[in-house]
């Protein structure tokens, strides 16, 4: 079955990864208070679904560090990426390119 929600991806990762790796990416530090707050704040956001709208003039570009990006998406370093996916760091670099 294909994942339909973020929680489905989480469950799929929990089943596939060794417990040590899953706990590393799934958890937070110390008492995990910041993690709980982030989850609570994201759950409070309600997205308005809009259908049948003209999207031809939507501009997602932004300026980051003086460089114009077509879409505001960036990759950050992820510890032990190679442990979760074969050549994970290489895959991330290719995706960024």
Protein backbone atom coordinates (compact mmCIF):
# COMPACT_ATOMS: atom_id res chain seq x y z
CA UNK A 1 0.00 0.00 0.00
CA UNK A 2 1.30 3.46 -0.88
CA UNK A 3 1.59 5.96 1.99
CA UNK A 4 -1.25 8.49 2.02
CA UNK A 5 -0.11 10.65 4.93
CA UNK A 6 3.06 11.59 6.79
CA UNK A 7 2.11 9.16 9.55
CA UNK A 8 2.09 6.36 6.96
CA UNK A 9 5.66 7.19 5.94
CA UNK A 10 6.67 7.20 9.60
CA UNK A 11 5.14 3.77 10.15
CA UNK A 12 6.81 2.44 7.02
CA UNK A 13 10.19 3.70 8.27
CA UNK A 14 9.56 2.21 11.71
CA UNK A 15 8.95 -1.20 10.15
CA UNK A 16 11.92 -1.06 7.76
CA UNK A 17 14.72 0.51 9.81
CA UNK A 18 16.63 -1.03 12.68
CA UNK A 19 15.26 0.42 15.95
CA UNK A 20 18.41 2.47 16.66
CA UNK A 21 18.19 4.27 13.31
CA UNK A 22 14.45 4.87 13.53
CA UNK A 23 14.70 6.30 17.07
CA UNK A 24 17.49 8.63 15.92
CA UNK A 25 15.45 10.23 13.14
CA UNK A 26 12.07 10.02 14.86
CA UNK A 27 12.99 11.45 18.24
CA UNK A 28 14.18 14.73 19.63
CA UNK A 29 16.82 15.67 22.13
CA UNK A 30 16.60 15.58 25.92
CA UNK A 31 12.97 15.76 27.07
CA UNK A 32 11.74 16.28 23.46
CA UNK A 33 9.80 19.41 24.45
CA UNK A 34 10.70 21.27 21.25
CA UNK A 35 9.66 18.25 19.20
CA UNK A 36 6.25 18.16 20.94
CA UNK A 37 5.76 21.90 20.41
CA UNK A 38 6.68 21.66 16.73
CA UNK A 39 4.25 18.77 16.18
CA UNK A 40 1.48 20.61 18.05
CA UNK A 41 2.06 23.83 16.09
CA UNK A 42 2.11 22.04 12.73
CA UNK A 43 -1.08 20.15 13.60
CA UNK A 44 -2.78 23.49 14.29
CA UNK A 45 -2.23 24.67 10.71
CA UNK A 46 -5.27 24.13 8.52
CA UNK A 47 -4.67 24.23 4.79
CA UNK A 48 -7.43 25.57 2.58
CA UNK A 49 -7.96 23.34 -0.39
CA UNK A 50 -8.55 25.34 -3.53
CA UNK A 51 -9.54 23.64 -6.74
CA UNK A 52 -10.17 24.86 -10.25
CA UNK A 53 -7.93 27.92 -9.83
CA UNK A 54 -5.74 29.57 -12.48
CA UNK A 55 -2.19 28.66 -11.48
CA UNK A 56 -0.46 29.96 -14.60
CA UNK A 57 0.76 33.15 -12.94
CA UNK A 58 1.81 31.74 -9.55
CA UNK A 59 5.42 32.63 -8.73
CA UNK A 60 7.10 30.50 -6.07
CA UNK A 61 10.52 32.10 -6.49
CA UNK A 62 12.36 33.63 -3.56
CA UNK A 63 15.77 35.10 -2.81
CA UNK A 64 18.01 33.19 -0.41
CA UNK A 65 21.51 34.40 0.37
CA UNK A 66 21.37 36.77 -2.58
CA UNK A 67 20.48 34.03 -5.06
CA UNK A 68 17.08 33.75 -6.73
CA UNK A 69 15.58 30.30 -6.35
CA UNK A 70 12.72 29.12 -8.58
CA UNK A 71 11.11 27.41 -5.60
CA UNK A 72 11.84 27.84 -1.85
CA UNK A 73 13.17 24.33 -1.27
CA UNK A 74 16.57 23.61 0.27
CA UNK A 75 18.37 20.59 1.65
CA UNK A 76 20.08 20.63 5.01
CA UNK A 77 22.76 18.24 6.23
CA UNK A 78 21.32 15.08 7.75
CA UNK A 79 23.45 13.01 10.11
CA UNK A 80 24.03 9.44 9.01
CA UNK A 81 22.05 9.80 5.76
CA UNK A 82 24.03 6.90 4.29
CA UNK A 83 22.75 4.62 7.02
CA UNK A 84 19.12 5.13 5.97
CA UNK A 85 19.56 4.82 2.23
CA UNK A 86 22.36 3.37 0.17
CA UNK A 87 24.63 6.30 -0.71
CA UNK A 88 22.15 8.69 0.95
CA UNK A 89 24.55 11.64 0.88
CA UNK A 90 25.14 11.14 -2.85
CA UNK A 91 21.41 10.93 -3.51
CA UNK A 92 20.83 14.17 -1.60
CA UNK A 93 23.58 15.95 -3.55
CA UNK A 94 22.09 14.77 -6.86
CA UNK A 95 18.63 15.95 -5.81
CA UNK A 96 20.04 19.34 -4.83
CA UNK A 97 21.78 19.71 -8.20
